Amino acid sequence: MIVYDIQNLSKTYPSQNQPANDKITLQIRQGEIFGLLGDNGAGKSTLVKQMVNLLRPTSGTIRLLERPLTHNPLHVPLQIGYMPQDSAALNNLTFGEALY
């Protein structure tokens, strides 16, 4: 089963001349271990934010469990957990508390 199906995904921020992501296409299948590696500014965080529907892509599509993210935004938090690296709301919690 394909969990994530990402096709030709691009994101260009209005203040930048070049895209943060450019034509990313990938599939993540159930049971796969997936990691993103890249230099600072390579677009890893932008991609993840798009995958959890916190940031809309400029173009392209993302499907989660065969459903386009744009059709049912509330579907994402029911299926995917997201823990940002920095979050002011979670500063006073331990890692375990933040996950719970």
PDB file of N, CA and C in Angstrom:
ATOM      1  N   MET A   1       0.838  -1.176   0.000  1.00  0.00           N
ATOM      2  CA  MET A   1       0.000   0.000   0.000  1.00  0.00           C
ATOM      3  C   MET A   1       0.886   1.243   0.000  1.00  0.00           C
ATOM      4  N   ILE A   2       0.527   2.204  -0.808  1.00  0.00           N
ATOM      5  CA  ILE A   2       1.253   3.476  -0.854  1.00  0.00           C
ATOM      6  C   ILE A   2       0.642   4.413   0.183  1.00  0.00           C
ATOM      7  N   VAL A   3       1.462   4.851   1.134  1.00  0.00           N
ATOM      8  CA  VAL A   3       0.999   5.769   2.174  1.00  0.00           C
ATOM      9  C   VAL A   3       1.024   7.196   1.640  1.00  0.00           C
ATOM     10  N   TYR A   4       2.162   7.607   1.105  1.00  0.00           N
ATOM     11  CA  TYR A   4       2.295   8.939   0.508  1.00  0.00           C
ATOM     12  C   TYR A   4       2.622   8.790  -0.965  1.00  0.00           C
ATOM     13  N   ASP A   5       1.902   9.522  -1.787  1.00  0.00           N
ATOM     14  CA  ASP A   5       2.187   9.596  -3.216  1.00  0.00           C
ATOM     15  C   ASP A   5       2.334  11.078  -3.557  1.00  0.00           C
ATOM     16  N   ILE A   6       3.557  11.498  -3.825  1.00  0.00           N
ATOM     17  CA  ILE A   6       3.873  12.904  -4.079  1.00  0.00           C
ATOM     18  C   ILE A   6       4.299  13.031  -5.539  1.00  0.00           C
ATOM     19  N   GLN A   7       3.640  13.922  -6.265  1.00  0.00           N
ATOM     20  CA  GLN A   7       3.883  14.058  -7.699  1.00  0.00           C
ATOM     21  C   GLN A   7       4.163  15.510  -8.071  1.00  0.00           C
ATOM     22  N   ASN A   8       5.350  15.738  -8.642  1.00  0.00           N
ATOM     23  CA  ASN A   8       5.747  17.053  -9.178  1.00  0.00           C
ATOM     24  C   ASN A   8       5.523  18.199  -8.193  1.00  0.00           C
ATOM     25  N   LEU A   9       5.869  17.982  -6.949  1.00  0.00           N
ATOM     26  CA  LEU A   9       5.625  18.960  -5.885  1.00  0.00           C
ATOM     27  C   LEU A   9       6.670  20.071  -5.919  1.00  0.00           C
ATOM     28  N   SER A  10       6.196  21.296  -5.933  1.00  0.00           N
ATOM     29  CA  SER A  10       7.078  22.465  -5.902  1.00  0.00           C
ATOM     30  C   SER A  10       6.531  23.483  -4.920  1.00  0.00           C
ATOM     31  N   LYS A  11       7.443  24.215  -4.297  1.00  0.00           N
ATOM     32  CA  LYS A  11       7.062  25.317  -3.414  1.00  0.00           C
ATOM     33  C   LYS A  11       8.044  26.450  -3.626  1.00  0.00           C
ATOM     34  N   THR A  12       7.511  27.611  -3.976  1.00  0.00           N
ATOM     35  CA  THR A  12       8.307  28.826  -4.082  1.00  0.00           C
ATOM     36  C   THR A  12       7.692  29.848  -3.148  1.00  0.00           C
ATOM     37  N   TYR A  13       8.493  30.328  -2.207  1.00  0.00           N
ATOM     38  CA  TYR A  13       8.020  31.366  -1.295  1.00  0.00           C
ATOM     39  C   TYR A  13       8.009  32.698  -2.038  1.00  0.00           C
ATOM     40  N   PRO A  14       7.020  33.560  -1.762  1.00  0.00           N
ATOM     41  CA  PRO A  14       6.924  34.837  -2.481  1.00  0.00           C
ATOM     42  C   PRO A  14       8.188  35.693  -2.398  1.00  0.00           C
ATOM     43  N   SER A  15       8.916  35.603  -1.296  1.00  0.00           N
ATOM     44  CA  SER A  15      10.098  36.456  -1.119  1.00  0.00           C
ATOM     45  C   SER A  15      11.364  35.882  -1.753  1.00  0.00           C
ATOM     46  N   GLN A  16      11.267  34.690  -2.354  1.00  0.00           N
ATOM     47  CA  GLN A  16      12.457  34.051  -2.920  1.00  0.00           C
ATOM     48  C   GLN A  16      12.338  33.918  -4.431  1.00  0.00           C
ATOM     49  N   ASN A  17      13.479  33.941  -5.090  1.00  0.00           N
ATOM     50  CA  ASN A  17      13.509  33.785  -6.544  1.00  0.00           C
ATOM     51  C   ASN A  17      13.551  32.330  -6.975  1.00  0.00           C
ATOM     52  N   GLN A  18      14.109  31.470  -6.129  1.00  0.00           N
ATOM     53  CA  GLN A  18      14.220  30.067  -6.506  1.00  0.00           C
ATOM     54  C   GLN A  18      13.337  29.218  -5.598  1.00  0.00           C
ATOM     55  N   PRO A  19      12.877  28.064  -6.079  1.00  0.00           N
ATOM     56  CA  PRO A  19      11.970  27.235  -5.285  1.00  0.00           C
ATOM     57  C   PRO A  19      12.666  26.574  -4.092  1.00  0.00           C
ATOM     58  N   ALA A  20      11.905  26.400  -3.011  1.00  0.00           N
ATOM     59  CA  ALA A  20      12.391  25.641  -1.859  1.00  0.00           C
ATOM     60  C   ALA A  20      12.375  24.151  -2.194  1.00  0.00           C
ATOM     61  N   ASN A  21      11.373  23.718  -2.952  1.00  0.00           N
ATOM     62  CA  ASN A  21      11.299  22.362  -3.511  1.00  0.00           C
ATOM     63  C   ASN A  21      10.961  22.525  -4.980  1.00  0.00           C
ATOM     64  N   ASP A  22      11.494  21.649  -5.791  1.00  0.00           N
ATOM     65  CA  ASP A  22      11.237  21.772  -7.225  1.00  0.00           C
ATOM     66  C   ASP A  22      10.962  20.409  -7.838  1.00  0.00           C
ATOM     67  N   LYS A  23       9.720  20.159  -8.181  1.00  0.00           N
ATOM     68  CA  LYS A  23       9.281  18.961  -8.907  1.00  0.00           C
ATOM     69  C   LYS A  23       9.663  17.666  -8.190  1.00  0.00           C
ATOM     70  N   ILE A  24       9.367  17.585  -6.897  1.00  0.00           N
ATOM     71  CA  ILE A  24       9.646  16.371  -6.122  1.00  0.00           C
ATOM     72  C   ILE A  24       8.582  15.328  -6.439  1.00  0.00           C
ATOM     73  N   THR A  25       9.029  14.138  -6.768  1.00  0.00           N
ATOM     74  CA  THR A  25       8.140  13.005  -6.994  1.00  0.00           C
ATOM     75  C   THR A  25       8.681  11.833  -6.191  1.00  0.00           C
ATOM     76  N   LEU A  26       7.835  11.271  -5.321  1.00  0.00           N
ATOM     77  CA  LEU A  26       8.245  10.100  -4.543  1.00  0.00           C
ATOM     78  C   LEU A  26       7.029   9.381  -4.008  1.00  0.00           C
ATOM     79  N   GLN A  27       7.232   8.118  -3.671  1.00  0.00           N
ATOM     80  CA  GLN A  27       6.202   7.321  -3.026  1.00  0.00           C
ATOM     81  C   GLN A  27       6.796   6.699  -1.775  1.00  0.00           C
ATOM     82  N   ILE A  28       6.016   6.695  -0.716  1.00  0.00           N
ATOM     83  CA  ILE A  28       6.412   6.047   0.532  1.00  0.00           C
ATOM     84  C   ILE A  28       5.386   4.956   0.795  1.00  0.00           C
ATOM     85  N   ARG A  29       5.863   3.737   0.876  1.00  0.00           N
ATOM     86  CA  ARG A  29       4.969   2.589   1.055  1.00  0.00           C
ATOM     87  C   ARG A  29       4.873   2.195   2.528  1.00  0.00           C
ATOM     88  N   GLN A  30       3.784   1.549   2.854  1.00  0.00           N
ATOM     89  CA  GLN A  30       3.574   1.069   4.212  1.00  0.00           C
ATOM     90  C   GLN A  30       4.731   0.153   4.616  1.00  0.00           C
ATOM     91  N   GLY A  31       5.264   0.378   5.814  1.00  0.00           N
ATOM     92  CA  GLY A  31       6.349  -0.446   6.333  1.00  0.00           C
ATOM     93  C   GLY A  31       7.740   0.026   5.963  1.00  0.00           C
ATOM     94  N   GLU A  32       7.853   0.967   5.045  1.00  0.00           N
ATOM     95  CA  GLU A  32       9.160   1.498   4.664  1.00  0.00           C
ATOM     96  C   GLU A  32       9.684   2.436   5.741  1.00  0.00           C
ATOM     97  N   ILE A  33      10.989   2.479   5.874  1.00  0.00           N
ATOM     98  CA  ILE A  33      11.651   3.480   6.706  1.00  0.00           C
ATOM     99  C   ILE A  33      12.111   4.575   5.761  1.00  0.00           C
ATOM    100  N   PHE A  34      11.744   5.811   6.085  1.00  0.00           N
ATOM    101  CA  PHE A  34      11.980   6.927   5.181  1.00  0.00           C
ATOM    102  C   PHE A  34      12.719   8.024   5.917  1.00  0.00           C
ATOM    103  N   GLY A  35      13.728   8.590   5.296  1.00  0.00           N
ATOM    104  CA  GLY A  35      14.462   9.704   5.886  1.00  0.00           C
ATOM    105  C   GLY A  35      14.762  10.757   4.837  1.00  0.00           C
ATOM    106  N   LEU A  36      14.881  11.990   5.291  1.00  0.00           N
ATOM    107  CA  LEU A  36      15.247  13.103   4.408  1.00  0.00           C
ATOM    108  C   LEU A  36      16.609  13.620   4.830  1.00  0.00           C
ATOM    109  N   LEU A  37      17.531  13.670   3.916  1.00  0.00           N
ATOM    110  CA  LEU A  37      18.867  14.180   4.183  1.00  0.00           C
ATOM    111  C   LEU A  37      19.151  15.330   3.236  1.00  0.00           C
ATOM    112  N   GLY A  38      19.852  16.336   3.740  1.00  0.00           N
ATOM    113  CA  GLY A  38      20.216  17.452   2.878  1.00  0.00           C
ATOM    114  C   GLY A  38      20.808  18.587   3.669  1.00  0.00           C
ATOM    115  N   ASP A  39      21.450  19.484   2.971  1.00  0.00           N
ATOM    116  CA  ASP A  39      22.056  20.655   3.592  1.00  0.00           C
ATOM    117  C   ASP A  39      20.986  21.568   4.175  1.00  0.00           C
ATOM    118  N   ASN A  40      21.431  22.483   5.037  1.00  0.00           N
ATOM    119  CA  ASN A  40      20.534  23.528   5.527  1.00  0.00           C
ATOM    120  C   ASN A  40      19.996  24.304   4.330  1.00  0.00           C
ATOM    121  N   GLY A  41      18.696  24.561   4.351  1.00  0.00           N
ATOM    122  CA  GLY A  41      18.081  25.303   3.260  1.00  0.00           C
ATOM    123  C   GLY A  41      17.740  24.468   2.040  1.00  0.00           C
ATOM    124  N   ALA A  42      17.901  23.145   2.135  1.00  0.00           N
ATOM    125  CA  ALA A  42      17.640  22.280   0.981  1.00  0.00           C
ATOM    126  C   ALA A  42      16.153  22.032   0.731  1.00  0.00           C
ATOM    127  N   GLY A  43      15.294  22.377   1.702  1.00  0.00           N
ATOM    128  CA  GLY A  43      13.855  22.202   1.511  1.00  0.00           C
ATOM    129  C   GLY A  43      13.243  21.039   2.269  1.00  0.00           C
ATOM    130  N   LYS A  44      14.004  20.422   3.173  1.00  0.00           N
ATOM    131  CA  LYS A  44      13.482  19.281   3.935  1.00  0.00           C
ATOM    132  C   LYS A  44      12.281  19.675   4.791  1.00  0.00           C
ATOM    133  N   SER A  45      12.419  20.729   5.563  1.00  0.00           N
ATOM    134  CA  SER A  45      11.314  21.173   6.428  1.00  0.00           C
ATOM    135  C   SER A  45      10.118  21.623   5.609  1.00  0.00           C
ATOM    136  N   THR A  46      10.368  22.274   4.506  1.00  0.00           N
ATOM    137  CA  THR A  46       9.277  22.697   3.622  1.00  0.00           C
ATOM    138  C   THR A  46       8.508  21.482   3.126  1.00  0.00           C
ATOM    139  N   LEU A  47       9.215  20.442   2.711  1.00  0.00           N
ATOM    140  CA  LEU A  47       8.560  19.230   2.231  1.00  0.00           C
ATOM    141  C   LEU A  47       7.722  18.592   3.334  1.00  0.00           C
ATOM    142  N   VAL A  48       8.285  18.451   4.525  1.00  0.00           N
ATOM    143  CA  VAL A  48       7.548  17.821   5.624  1.00  0.00           C
ATOM    144  C   VAL A  48       6.310  18.641   5.978  1.00  0.00           C
ATOM    145  N   LYS A  49       6.438  19.949   6.020  1.00  0.00           N
ATOM    146  CA  LYS A  49       5.272  20.800   6.320  1.00  0.00           C
ATOM    147  C   LYS A  49       4.191  20.640   5.253  1.00  0.00           C
ATOM    148  N   GLN A  50       4.589  20.443   4.016  1.00  0.00           N
ATOM    149  CA  GLN A  50       3.611  20.185   2.958  1.00  0.00           C
ATOM    150  C   GLN A  50       2.968  18.813   3.147  1.00  0.00           C
ATOM    151  N   MET A  51       3.758  17.836   3.585  1.00  0.00           N
ATOM    152  CA  MET A  51       3.250  16.480   3.768  1.00  0.00           C
ATOM    153  C   MET A  51       2.234  16.383   4.901  1.00  0.00           C
ATOM    154  N   VAL A  52       2.327  17.265   5.892  1.00  0.00           N
ATOM    155  CA  VAL A  52       1.366  17.240   7.002  1.00  0.00           C
ATOM    156  C   VAL A  52       0.323  18.347   6.863  1.00  0.00           C
ATOM    157  N   ASN A  53       0.274  18.969   5.705  1.00  0.00           N
ATOM    158  CA  ASN A  53      -0.737  19.961   5.342  1.00  0.00           C
ATOM    159  C   ASN A  53      -0.646  21.253   6.153  1.00  0.00           C
ATOM    160  N   LEU A  54       0.559  21.610   6.589  1.00  0.00           N
ATOM    161  CA  LEU A  54       0.767  22.891   7.256  1.00  0.00           C
ATOM    162  C   LEU A  54       1.175  23.977   6.270  1.00  0.00           C
ATOM    163  N   LEU A  55       1.541  23.573   5.072  1.00  0.00           N
ATOM    164  CA  LEU A  55       2.004  24.500   4.049  1.00  0.00           C
ATOM    165  C   LEU A  55       1.503  24.002   2.697  1.00  0.00           C
ATOM    166  N   ARG A  56       0.879  24.878   1.961  1.00  0.00           N
ATOM    167  CA  ARG A  56       0.359  24.489   0.645  1.00  0.00           C
ATOM    168  C   ARG A  56       1.461  24.584  -0.409  1.00  0.00           C
ATOM    169  N   PRO A  57       1.538  23.579  -1.259  1.00  0.00           N
ATOM    170  CA  PRO A  57       2.515  23.650  -2.346  1.00  0.00           C
ATOM    171  C   PRO A  57       2.112  24.687  -3.389  1.00  0.00           C
ATOM    172  N   THR A  58       3.099  25.185  -4.103  1.00  0.00           N
ATOM    173  CA  THR A  58       2.831  26.076  -5.231  1.00  0.00           C
ATOM    174  C   THR A  58       2.217  25.280  -6.376  1.00  0.00           C
ATOM    175  N   SER A  59       2.723  24.067  -6.567  1.00  0.00           N
ATOM    176  CA  SER A  59       2.173  23.183  -7.598  1.00  0.00           C
ATOM    177  C   SER A  59       2.464  21.739  -7.217  1.00  0.00           C
ATOM    178  N   GLY A  60       1.790  20.823  -7.883  1.00  0.00           N
ATOM    179  CA  GLY A  60       1.962  19.408  -7.618  1.00  0.00           C
ATOM    180  C   GLY A  60       0.880  18.876  -6.694  1.00  0.00           C
ATOM    181  N   THR A  61       0.936  17.562  -6.442  1.00  0.00           N
ATOM    182  CA  THR A  61      -0.075  16.919  -5.610  1.00  0.00           C
ATOM    183  C   THR A  61       0.559  16.030  -4.550  1.00  0.00           C
ATOM    184  N   ILE A  62      -0.144  15.930  -3.436  1.00  0.00           N
ATOM    185  CA  ILE A  62       0.227  15.007  -2.364  1.00  0.00           C
ATOM    186  C   ILE A  62      -1.018  14.205  -2.021  1.00  0.00           C
ATOM    187  N   ARG A  63      -0.870  12.891  -2.036  1.00  0.00           N
ATOM    188  CA  ARG A  63      -1.965  12.011  -1.638  1.00  0.00           C
ATOM    189  C   ARG A  63      -1.512  11.222  -0.419  1.00  0.00           C
ATOM    190  N   LEU A  64      -2.359  11.178   0.589  1.00  0.00           N
ATOM    191  CA  LEU A  64      -2.126  10.388   1.799  1.00  0.00           C
ATOM    192  C   LEU A  64      -3.174   9.289   1.827  1.00  0.00           C
ATOM    193  N   LEU A  65      -2.711   8.048   1.775  1.00  0.00           N
ATOM    194  CA  LEU A  65      -3.614   6.899   1.735  1.00  0.00           C
ATOM    195  C   LEU A  65      -4.671   7.074   0.638  1.00  0.00           C
ATOM    196  N   GLU A  66      -4.191   7.453  -0.531  1.00  0.00           N
ATOM    197  CA  GLU A  66      -4.979   7.593  -1.759  1.00  0.00           C
ATOM    198  C   GLU A  66      -5.924   8.795  -1.768  1.00  0.00           C
ATOM    199  N   ARG A  67      -5.866   9.655  -0.753  1.00  0.00           N
ATOM    200  CA  ARG A  67      -6.729  10.842  -0.708  1.00  0.00           C
ATOM    201  C   ARG A  67      -5.881  12.099  -0.876  1.00  0.00           C
ATOM    202  N   PRO A  68      -6.278  12.995  -1.759  1.00  0.00           N
ATOM    203  CA  PRO A  68      -5.556  14.272  -1.863  1.00  0.00           C
ATOM    204  C   PRO A  68      -5.654  15.045  -0.545  1.00  0.00           C
ATOM    205  N   LEU A  69      -4.542  15.605  -0.094  1.00  0.00           N
ATOM    206  CA  LEU A  69      -4.546  16.350   1.168  1.00  0.00           C
ATOM    207  C   LEU A  69      -5.523  17.508   1.142  1.00  0.00           C
ATOM    208  N   THR A  70      -5.702  18.112  -0.008  1.00  0.00           N
ATOM    209  CA  THR A  70      -6.557  19.293  -0.100  1.00  0.00           C
ATOM    210  C   THR A  70      -8.042  18.967   0.051  1.00  0.00           C
ATOM    211  N   HIS A  71      -8.436  17.721  -0.160  1.00  0.00           N
ATOM    212  CA  HIS A  71      -9.855  17.366  -0.093  1.00  0.00           C
ATOM    213  C   HIS A  71     -10.363  17.226   1.331  1.00  0.00           C
ATOM    214  N   ASN A  72      -9.512  16.796   2.254  1.00  0.00           N
ATOM    215  CA  ASN A  72      -9.941  16.614   3.636  1.00  0.00           C
ATOM    216  C   ASN A  72      -8.772  16.890   4.568  1.00  0.00           C
ATOM    217  N   PRO A  73      -8.523  18.162   4.892  1.00  0.00           N
ATOM    218  CA  PRO A  73      -7.362  18.512   5.714  1.00  0.00           C
ATOM    219  C   PRO A  73      -7.365  17.855   7.094  1.00  0.00           C
ATOM    220  N   LEU A  74      -8.528  17.549   7.641  1.00  0.00           N
ATOM    221  CA  LEU A  74      -8.598  16.932   8.968  1.00  0.00           C
ATOM    222  C   LEU A  74      -8.204  15.461   8.947  1.00  0.00           C
ATOM    223  N   HIS A  75      -8.089  14.884   7.767  1.00  0.00           N
ATOM    224  CA  HIS A  75      -7.666  13.491   7.625  1.00  0.00           C
ATOM    225  C   HIS A  75      -6.200  13.307   8.045  1.00  0.00           C
ATOM    226  N   VAL A  76      -5.380  14.319   7.814  1.00  0.00           N
ATOM    227  CA  VAL A  76      -3.939  14.198   8.061  1.00  0.00           C
ATOM    228  C   VAL A  76      -3.616  13.951   9.530  1.00  0.00           C
ATOM    229  N   PRO A  77      -4.088  14.775  10.486  1.00  0.00           N
ATOM    230  CA  PRO A  77      -3.703  14.526  11.876  1.00  0.00           C
ATOM    231  C   PRO A  77      -4.248  13.214  12.437  1.00  0.00           C
ATOM    232  N   LEU A  78      -5.238  12.634  11.800  1.00  0.00           N
ATOM    233  CA  LEU A  78      -5.743  11.335  12.239  1.00  0.00           C
ATOM    234  C   LEU A  78      -4.829  10.197  11.799  1.00  0.00           C
ATOM    235  N   GLN A  79      -3.979  10.447  10.801  1.00  0.00           N
ATOM    236  CA  GLN A  79      -3.132   9.405  10.232  1.00  0.00           C
ATOM    237  C   GLN A  79      -1.640   9.601  10.491  1.00  0.00           C
ATOM    238  N   ILE A  80      -1.195  10.843  10.656  1.00  0.00           N
ATOM    239  CA  ILE A  80       0.228  11.167  10.707  1.00  0.00           C
ATOM    240  C   ILE A  80       0.528  12.008  11.941  1.00  0.00           C
ATOM    241  N   GLY A  81       1.581  11.650  12.671  1.00  0.00           N
ATOM    242  CA  GLY A  81       2.064  12.478  13.777  1.00  0.00           C
ATOM    243  C   GLY A  81       3.175  13.389  13.294  1.00  0.00           C
ATOM    244  N   TYR A  82       3.191  14.605  13.793  1.00  0.00           N
ATOM    245  CA  TYR A  82       4.211  15.577  13.389  1.00  0.00           C
ATOM    246  C   TYR A  82       4.739  16.263  14.633  1.00  0.00           C
ATOM    247  N   MET A  83       6.058  16.216  14.833  1.00  0.00           N
ATOM    248  CA  MET A  83       6.712  16.854  15.967  1.00  0.00           C
ATOM    249  C   MET A  83       7.755  17.812  15.422  1.00  0.00           C
ATOM    250  N   PRO A  84       7.471  19.126  15.421  1.00  0.00           N
ATOM    251  CA  PRO A  84       8.457  20.079  14.901  1.00  0.00           C
ATOM    252  C   PRO A  84       9.688  20.138  15.790  1.00  0.00           C
ATOM    253  N   GLN A  85      10.800  20.514  15.198  1.00  0.00           N
ATOM    254  CA  GLN A  85      12.047  20.614  15.954  1.00  0.00           C
ATOM    255  C   GLN A  85      11.943  21.686  17.026  1.00  0.00           C
ATOM    256  N   ASP A  86      11.362  22.816  16.689  1.00  0.00           N
ATOM    257  CA  ASP A  86      11.196  23.919  17.631  1.00  0.00           C
ATOM    258  C   ASP A  86       9.724  24.269  17.723  1.00  0.00           C
ATOM    259  N   SER A  87       9.217  24.326  18.956  1.00  0.00           N
ATOM    260  CA  SER A  87       7.832  24.729  19.155  1.00  0.00           C
ATOM    261  C   SER A  87       7.718  25.424  20.498  1.00  0.00           C
ATOM    262  N   ALA A  88       7.375  26.699  20.497  1.00  0.00           N
ATOM    263  CA  ALA A  88       7.260  27.473  21.731  1.00  0.00           C
ATOM    264  C   ALA A  88       6.216  26.872  22.663  1.00  0.00           C
ATOM    265  N   ALA A  89       5.176  26.279  22.120  1.00  0.00           N
ATOM    266  CA  ALA A  89       4.118  25.703  22.947  1.00  0.00           C
ATOM    267  C   ALA A  89       4.591  24.478  23.720  1.00  0.00           C
ATOM    268  N   LEU A  90       5.663  23.845  23.268  1.00  0.00           N
ATOM    269  CA  LEU A  90       6.133  22.610  23.889  1.00  0.00           C
ATOM    270  C   LEU A  90       7.413  22.787  24.698  1.00  0.00           C
ATOM    271  N   ASN A  91       7.874  24.009  24.876  1.00  0.00           N
ATOM    272  CA  ASN A  91       9.166  24.248  25.521  1.00  0.00           C
ATOM    273  C   ASN A  91       9.271  23.690  26.929  1.00  0.00           C
ATOM    274  N   ASN A  92       8.187  23.652  27.683  1.00  0.00           N
ATOM    275  CA  ASN A  92       8.243  23.208  29.075  1.00  0.00           C
ATOM    276  C   ASN A  92       7.944  21.731  29.247  1.00  0.00           C
ATOM    277  N   LEU A  93       7.799  21.005  28.163  1.00  0.00           N
ATOM    278  CA  LEU A  93       7.488  19.584  28.236  1.00  0.00           C
ATOM    279  C   LEU A  93       8.715  18.742  27.914  1.00  0.00           C
ATOM    280  N   THR A  94       8.775  17.553  28.521  1.00  0.00           N
ATOM    281  CA  THR A  94       9.801  16.598  28.113  1.00  0.00           C
ATOM    282  C   THR A  94       9.388  16.024  26.757  1.00  0.00           C
ATOM    283  N   PHE A  95      10.300  15.328  26.110  1.00  0.00           N
ATOM    284  CA  PHE A  95       9.989  14.734  24.817  1.00  0.00           C
ATOM    285  C   PHE A  95       8.817  13.762  24.946  1.00  0.00           C
ATOM    286  N   GLY A  96       8.852  12.922  25.986  1.00  0.00           N
ATOM    287  CA  GLY A  96       7.774  11.957  26.208  1.00  0.00           C
ATOM    288  C   GLY A  96       6.435  12.627  26.445  1.00  0.00           C
ATOM    289  N   GLU A  97       6.424  13.709  27.218  1.00  0.00           N
ATOM    290  CA  GLU A  97       5.184  14.443  27.476  1.00  0.00           C
ATOM    291  C   GLU A  97       4.639  15.057  26.191  1.00  0.00           C
ATOM    292  N   ALA A  98       5.520  15.564  25.362  1.00  0.00           N
ATOM    293  CA  ALA A  98       5.090  16.184  24.107  1.00  0.00           C
ATOM    294  C   ALA A  98       4.460  15.159  23.168  1.00  0.00           C
ATOM    295  N   LEU A  99       4.961  13.937  23.182  1.00  0.00           N
ATOM    296  CA  LEU A  99       4.403  12.892  22.332  1.00  0.00           C
ATOM    297  C   LEU A  99       3.046  12.423  22.826  1.00  0.00           C
ATOM    298  N   TYR A 100       2.852  12.455  24.126  1.00  0.00           N
ATOM    299  CA  TYR A 100       1.593  11.985  24.700  1.00  0.00           C
ATOM    300  C   TYR A 100       0.545  13.040  24.566  1.00  0.00           C
TER     301      TYR A 100
END
